[in-house]
Protein backbone atom coordinates (compact mmCIF):
# COMPACT_ATOMS: atom_id res chain seq x y z
CA MET A 1 9.04 8.59 22.11
CA THR A 2 11.13 7.36 25.22
CA CYS A 3 13.92 9.83 26.35
CA VAL A 4 17.14 8.53 27.29
CA GLU A 5 19.41 9.94 30.16
CA GLY A 6 20.31 13.53 29.79
CA GLY A 7 16.94 14.47 28.07
CA GLU A 8 17.88 13.26 24.77
CA ARG A 9 15.43 11.36 22.53
CA ALA A 10 16.27 7.63 21.89
CA PRO A 11 16.27 6.71 18.21
CA ARG A 12 13.13 6.00 16.33
CA ARG A 13 12.74 2.28 16.31
CA ILE A 14 12.04 0.90 12.60
CA GLY A 15 10.79 -2.55 11.62
CA LEU A 16 10.87 -3.80 7.92
CA VAL A 17 8.64 -6.36 6.53
CA GLU A 18 10.45 -7.35 3.18
CA ASP A 19 11.02 -10.92 1.92
CA HIS A 20 13.94 -9.85 -0.53
CA GLU A 21 17.06 -10.23 1.39
CA SER A 22 18.85 -7.77 -0.81
CA VAL A 23 16.26 -5.08 -0.23
CA ALA A 24 16.44 -5.50 3.49
CA ILE A 25 20.10 -5.29 3.27
CA GLY A 26 20.01 -2.25 1.22
CA LEU A 27 17.75 -0.34 3.45
CA ALA A 28 19.83 -1.44 6.58
CA ALA A 29 22.87 0.20 5.09
CA MET A 30 20.89 3.46 4.42
CA LEU A 31 19.84 3.74 7.94
CA ALA A 32 22.98 2.72 9.59
CA PRO A 33 24.68 5.90 9.42
CA GLU A 34 21.50 7.88 10.82
CA PRO A 35 21.94 8.34 14.74
CA ASP A 36 18.30 9.02 15.09
CA LEU A 37 16.82 5.96 13.12
CA ASP A 38 17.36 2.41 14.37
CA LEU A 39 16.25 -0.63 12.29
CA VAL A 40 15.79 -3.00 14.90
CA LEU A 41 13.57 -5.79 13.27
CA THR A 42 13.42 -7.20 9.81
CA ALA A 43 10.76 -10.04 8.86
CA GLY A 44 9.40 -11.42 5.66
CA THR A 45 5.77 -11.08 6.79
CA VAL A 46 3.80 -8.93 9.10
CA SER A 47 2.84 -11.47 11.63
CA GLU A 48 6.52 -12.57 11.98
CA LEU A 49 7.45 -9.04 12.64
CA LEU A 50 4.72 -8.50 15.33
CA ALA A 51 5.77 -11.64 17.00
CA ALA A 52 9.24 -10.34 16.99
CA ALA A 53 8.18 -6.98 18.20
CA VAL A 54 6.13 -8.49 21.13
CA SER A 55 9.26 -10.45 22.30
CA ALA A 56 11.26 -7.41 22.18
CA ALA A 57 9.04 -5.31 24.01
CA SER A 58 8.57 -7.89 26.80
CA ASP A 59 12.49 -8.28 26.88
CA SER A 60 13.16 -4.50 27.28
CA ALA A 61 10.30 -3.79 29.88
CA THR A 62 10.17 -4.61 33.77
CA PRO A 63 7.74 -5.85 34.17
CA PRO A 64 7.35 -7.37 30.78
CA VAL A 65 4.79 -5.69 28.75
CA PRO A 66 3.50 -7.72 25.78
CA THR A 67 2.60 -4.85 23.40
CA THR A 68 4.12 -3.74 20.18
CA GLU A 69 3.73 0.06 20.70
CA SER A 70 6.95 0.24 22.89
CA ALA A 71 9.10 -1.85 20.46
CA LEU A 72 8.39 0.17 17.15
CA ASP A 73 7.72 3.49 16.07
CA LEU A 74 7.36 2.72 12.21
CA VAL A 75 7.06 -0.06 9.83
CA VAL A 76 8.41 0.17 6.41
CA LEU A 77 6.17 -2.27 4.27
CA ASP A 78 6.72 -4.08 0.91
CA LEU A 79 3.40 -4.60 -0.90
CA ARG A 80 4.37 -7.85 -2.65
CA LEU A 81 5.01 -10.55 -0.08
CA ALA A 82 5.54 -14.27 -0.61
CA ASP A 83 2.87 -15.33 1.89
CA GLY A 84 0.14 -13.85 -0.27
CA SER A 85 -1.11 -11.35 2.24
CA SER A 86 -3.13 -8.35 1.15
CA PRO A 87 -1.66 -4.76 1.61
CA GLU A 88 -5.00 -3.66 3.39
CA ASP A 89 -4.90 -6.61 5.95
CA ASN A 90 -1.11 -5.93 6.55
CA VAL A 91 -1.75 -2.20 7.23
CA HIS A 92 -4.62 -2.84 9.37
CA ALA A 93 -2.79 -5.37 11.50
CA LEU A 94 0.04 -2.95 12.12
CA ARG A 95 -2.04 0.32 12.69
CA ASP A 96 -4.41 -1.74 15.06
CA ARG A 97 -1.45 -2.12 17.34
CA GLY A 98 -0.41 1.40 17.16
CA ILE A 99 2.30 1.09 14.66
CA GLU A 100 2.34 3.60 11.58
CA VAL A 101 3.24 2.31 8.16
CA LEU A 102 5.47 3.60 5.32
CA VAL A 103 5.21 1.65 2.09
CA PHE A 104 8.34 0.98 0.24
CA THR A 105 7.72 -0.37 -3.10
CA GLY A 106 8.37 -0.64 -6.63
CA ALA A 107 5.25 1.19 -7.24
CA ASP A 108 4.42 -1.04 -10.44
CA ASN A 109 0.88 -1.99 -9.11
CA ALA A 110 -1.46 0.75 -8.91
CA PHE A 111 -3.97 -1.41 -7.54
CA LEU A 112 -1.65 -2.41 -4.47
CA VAL A 113 -0.46 1.01 -3.92
CA ARG A 114 -4.11 2.42 -3.77
CA ALA A 115 -5.16 -0.35 -1.42
CA ALA A 116 -2.38 0.45 1.01
CA ALA A 117 -2.89 4.31 0.74
CA LYS A 118 -6.61 3.82 1.51
CA ALA A 119 -5.83 1.70 4.27
CA GLY A 120 -4.18 4.68 6.13
CA VAL A 121 -0.43 4.43 5.44
CA LEU A 122 1.71 7.65 5.99
CA GLY A 123 3.06 7.65 2.56
CA VAL A 124 4.62 5.66 -0.40
CA VAL A 125 8.34 5.68 -1.29
CA ARG A 126 9.81 3.90 -4.43
CA LYS A 127 12.61 1.52 -3.89
CA SER A 128 14.30 3.06 -6.87
CA GLU A 129 14.69 6.71 -4.94
CA ASP A 130 18.05 7.86 -3.86
CA VAL A 131 19.28 7.22 -0.40
CA PRO A 132 18.74 10.79 0.82
CA THR A 133 14.98 10.76 -0.45
CA VAL A 134 14.44 7.26 1.34
CA VAL A 135 16.18 8.35 4.56
CA ALA A 136 14.02 11.52 4.62
CA ALA A 137 10.90 9.55 3.98
CA VAL A 138 11.74 7.17 6.82
CA ARG A 139 12.54 9.95 9.22
CA ARG A 140 9.44 11.76 8.75
CA ALA A 141 7.22 8.96 8.89
CA ALA A 142 8.92 7.55 11.88
CA SER A 143 7.97 11.06 13.60
CA GLY A 144 4.33 10.50 12.50
CA GLU A 145 4.27 12.95 9.65
CA GLN A 146 2.83 12.24 6.18
CA VAL A 147 5.29 11.75 3.38
CA VAL A 148 3.59 13.21 0.54
CA THR A 149 4.77 11.98 -2.80
CA THR A 150 3.55 11.74 -6.19
CA ASP A 151 3.08 7.92 -5.93
CA TRP A 152 0.99 8.49 -2.69
CA ALA A 153 -1.07 11.13 -4.26
CA ALA A 154 -1.64 9.05 -7.43
CA ALA A 155 -2.62 5.95 -5.12
CA ILE A 156 -5.43 8.20 -3.75
CA ASP A 157 -6.48 10.09 -6.83
CA GLY A 158 -5.54 7.69 -9.67
CA ASP A 159 -2.68 7.96 -12.09
CA PRO A 160 -1.89 11.50 -13.09
CA GLN A 161 -0.66 10.49 -16.48
CA LEU A 162 -3.91 9.11 -17.36
CA SER A 163 -7.01 11.03 -18.48
CA ASP A 164 -9.36 10.90 -15.85
CA VAL A 165 -12.66 9.59 -17.32
CA GLY A 166 -14.79 10.89 -14.29
CA LEU A 167 -16.80 7.81 -13.70
CA SER A 168 -19.58 7.94 -10.87
CA PRO A 169 -19.23 5.74 -7.80
CA ARG A 170 -22.16 3.66 -9.41
CA GLN A 171 -20.38 3.32 -12.85
CA GLU A 172 -17.12 2.40 -11.02
CA GLU A 173 -19.15 -0.46 -9.52
CA VAL A 174 -20.49 -1.73 -12.57
CA LEU A 175 -17.17 -1.34 -14.61
CA THR A 176 -15.47 -3.40 -11.79
CA LEU A 177 -17.86 -6.18 -11.72
CA TYR A 178 -18.22 -6.47 -15.47
CA ALA A 179 -14.59 -6.03 -16.38
CA SER A 180 -13.72 -8.84 -13.86
CA GLY A 181 -15.60 -11.17 -15.86
CA GLU A 182 -19.33 -11.14 -14.80
CA LYS A 183 -22.09 -11.00 -17.17
CA ALA A 184 -24.39 -8.06 -17.44
CA SER A 185 -27.08 -10.18 -16.13
CA ARG A 186 -24.99 -11.26 -13.00
CA VAL A 187 -24.01 -7.61 -12.51
CA ALA A 188 -27.52 -6.76 -12.38
CA ARG A 189 -28.22 -9.00 -9.85
CA LEU A 190 -25.29 -7.97 -7.79
CA THR A 191 -26.07 -4.30 -7.94
CA GLY A 192 -29.96 -4.46 -7.73
CA LEU A 193 -30.13 -2.70 -11.18
CA SER A 194 -32.03 -4.03 -14.19
CA GLU A 195 -29.99 -5.56 -17.08
CA GLN A 196 -30.92 -2.82 -19.20
CA THR A 197 -29.60 -0.26 -16.83
CA VAL A 198 -26.43 -2.22 -16.60
CA ASN A 199 -25.91 -2.15 -20.49
CA ASP A 200 -26.80 1.58 -20.41
CA TYR A 201 -23.98 2.23 -17.87
CA LEU A 202 -21.65 0.25 -19.87
CA GLY A 203 -22.56 2.25 -23.04
CA ARG A 204 -21.70 5.54 -21.13
CA ILE A 205 -18.69 4.22 -19.44
CA ARG A 206 -17.29 3.27 -22.90
CA GLN A 207 -18.21 6.71 -24.18
CA LYS A 208 -16.39 8.39 -21.47
CA TYR A 209 -13.25 6.24 -22.04
CA ALA A 210 -13.49 7.35 -25.81
CA ASP A 211 -14.09 10.96 -25.11
CA ALA A 212 -10.69 10.84 -22.82
CA GLY A 213 -8.99 9.29 -25.78
CA ARG A 214 -8.94 6.00 -24.31
CA PRO A 215 -11.15 3.79 -26.27
CA ALA A 216 -12.56 0.70 -24.72
CA PRO A 217 -14.94 -0.97 -27.37
CA THR A 218 -14.57 -4.53 -26.00
CA LYS A 219 -14.90 -6.24 -22.74
CA THR A 220 -11.04 -7.00 -22.73
CA ASP A 221 -10.38 -3.24 -23.42
CA LEU A 222 -12.58 -2.38 -20.36
CA TYR A 223 -10.55 -4.80 -18.23
CA LYS A 224 -7.44 -3.14 -19.47
CA ARG A 225 -8.80 0.43 -18.56
CA ALA A 226 -10.00 -0.81 -15.02
CA VAL A 227 -6.47 -2.29 -14.40
CA GLU A 228 -4.84 0.90 -15.63
CA ASP A 229 -7.05 3.14 -13.30
CA GLY A 230 -6.33 0.86 -10.21
CA TRP A 231 -10.06 -0.59 -10.07
CA LEU A 232 -8.90 -4.06 -10.60
CA PRO A 233 -5.52 -5.64 -9.66
CA VAL A 234 -2.77 -6.17 -12.14
CA PRO A 235 -2.61 -9.92 -12.88
CA GLU A 236 -0.01 -11.73 -10.44
CA ARG A 237 3.04 -13.04 -12.16
CA GLN A 238 3.13 -16.88 -12.22
CA SER A 239 6.58 -16.61 -10.21
CA ARG A 240 8.53 -14.02 -8.49
CA ALA A 241 12.11 -13.05 -9.10
């Protein structure tokens, strides 16, 4: 972080990627009273934010330096964006440019939260949290510290409110393919297993879910369990509010 005259540290420079104006206004209001946090850029997509960050870095540097590192310390990222971009791609695009990421979300989609967490975000904070919690999370993340919350842990380990069925990596692969709509014969070809082995796996998977008190006797039930556990994405709504 660049120091200002007198040895004091300049405020942490924050960017926000959010396509709902009311949320952007709300976060700006939360950070405005904080002298060490400065929300300097807001955009509806990551590409727009990066372009603005390059411009800001160039404008503030002598000679101009077309990098984003000097423009932003942290990006606060919404997971559902109107451009249809994926959390993984957005997080990687930011981190590849040396910018850390804090997810700011409704946390209603376990698949998206898990995807972002695995891509290397510093933490996950809900939009429904109170102001002190959100500000504290932004401050920690802007300093490069992990923001350990229940949502962040759940994104890595699975939903703690659901009984763990203990699937092996191979069983997870078979479940994901089969529950997403593939036939057992197609799953066999994609995984290099025999069709009989795939059916055996499916039988064991169903038994594990039944033993965990989450029975899945049909393919539709398996799909629901895969969504619950974050192996498949929650179906997108037809329109966004």
